[in-house]
């Protein structure tokens, strides 16, 4: 059996935003979430703008048209974020 690299990449069925978190439901049944503040453009977005996330490229990318922002599902699942976690208050 011959498989390609894309066959092994995570693929999203749906995406949504709640309380500045972005969630993805993957084809393998997992639900993955990440804070919008881990990406520069999403950090500056309103909650309404975050809710406008769509699934693109047959489930392999996230798109925010009004923000002109694209993220790969594989990058999100692998934890490849632009910004570090905010410092926790002691």
Protein backbone atom coordinates (compact mmCIF):
# COMPACT_ATOMS: atom_id res chain seq x y z
CA UNK A 1 0.00 0.00 0.00
CA UNK A 2 1.35 3.38 -0.98
CA UNK A 3 0.50 6.44 1.14
CA UNK A 4 1.44 10.05 0.70
CA UNK A 5 2.51 12.48 3.41
CA UNK A 6 -0.83 14.30 3.22
CA UNK A 7 -2.67 11.05 4.06
CA UNK A 8 -1.00 11.17 7.48
CA UNK A 9 -1.61 14.86 8.16
CA UNK A 10 -4.44 15.86 10.49
CA UNK A 11 -7.57 16.99 8.70
CA UNK A 12 -10.36 19.16 10.17
CA UNK A 13 -14.07 18.52 9.80
CA UNK A 14 -15.12 21.74 11.48
CA UNK A 15 -13.73 24.75 13.33
CA UNK A 16 -15.24 27.25 15.73
CA UNK A 17 -14.27 29.97 18.21
CA UNK A 18 -15.37 30.36 21.82
CA UNK A 19 -13.98 32.74 24.45
CA UNK A 20 -10.87 33.56 22.34
CA UNK A 21 -10.12 29.86 21.84
CA UNK A 22 -10.16 28.24 18.41
CA UNK A 23 -11.31 24.62 18.28
CA UNK A 24 -10.95 22.02 15.54
CA UNK A 25 -12.73 18.70 15.23
CA UNK A 26 -10.42 16.34 13.36
CA UNK A 27 -11.37 13.40 11.15
CA UNK A 28 -9.85 10.99 13.70
CA UNK A 29 -12.33 12.18 16.36
CA UNK A 30 -10.00 14.44 18.33
CA UNK A 31 -10.95 17.97 19.26
CA UNK A 32 -7.97 20.31 19.46
CA UNK A 33 -8.06 23.84 20.81
CA UNK A 34 -5.59 26.69 20.96
CA UNK A 35 -5.66 30.27 22.26
CA UNK A 36 -6.14 32.83 19.49
CA UNK A 37 -3.51 34.96 21.22
CA UNK A 38 -0.78 32.57 20.06
CA UNK A 39 -0.92 34.21 16.59
CA UNK A 40 -0.28 37.92 15.94
CA UNK A 41 -3.22 38.55 13.64
CA UNK A 42 -5.67 36.55 15.72
CA UNK A 43 -4.51 38.29 18.92
CA UNK A 44 -5.68 41.62 17.47
CA UNK A 45 -9.01 40.20 16.23
CA UNK A 46 -12.36 40.67 17.90
CA UNK A 47 -14.35 37.66 19.06
CA UNK A 48 -16.76 38.22 16.15
CA UNK A 49 -13.86 38.13 13.69
CA UNK A 50 -12.52 34.94 15.28
CA UNK A 51 -15.92 33.28 14.80
CA UNK A 52 -15.59 33.76 11.04
CA UNK A 53 -13.10 30.88 10.76
CA UNK A 54 -13.66 28.51 7.84
CA UNK A 55 -12.14 25.19 6.82
CA UNK A 56 -10.30 25.31 3.49
CA UNK A 57 -8.12 23.07 1.28
CA UNK A 58 -10.26 19.99 1.97
CA UNK A 59 -9.78 20.27 5.74
CA UNK A 60 -6.04 21.00 5.81
CA UNK A 61 -6.22 24.76 6.44
CA UNK A 62 -8.08 27.37 8.48
CA UNK A 63 -9.03 30.71 6.93
CA UNK A 64 -10.20 34.05 8.30
CA UNK A 65 -11.13 35.98 5.16
CA UNK A 66 -11.71 39.38 6.81
CA UNK A 67 -8.37 39.11 8.64
CA UNK A 68 -6.51 37.66 5.62
CA UNK A 69 -5.12 34.95 7.91
CA UNK A 70 -4.45 31.31 7.05
CA UNK A 71 -3.16 28.52 9.31
CA UNK A 72 -2.43 24.91 8.51
CA UNK A 73 -4.21 22.29 10.56
CA UNK A 74 -0.98 20.28 10.78
CA UNK A 75 0.86 23.31 12.19
CA UNK A 76 -1.79 23.90 14.84
CA UNK A 77 -1.89 20.23 15.87
CA UNK A 78 1.93 20.17 16.07
CA UNK A 79 1.92 23.29 18.27
CA UNK A 80 3.74 25.56 15.83
CA UNK A 81 2.59 28.93 17.15
CA UNK A 82 3.98 32.41 16.41
CA UNK A 83 3.85 33.71 19.96
CA UNK A 84 4.72 32.22 23.37
CA UNK A 85 2.15 31.61 26.06
CA UNK A 86 1.45 34.76 28.06
CA UNK A 87 3.15 34.97 31.44
CA UNK A 88 0.99 33.56 34.23
CA UNK A 89 0.32 35.95 37.11
CA UNK A 90 1.74 34.63 40.38
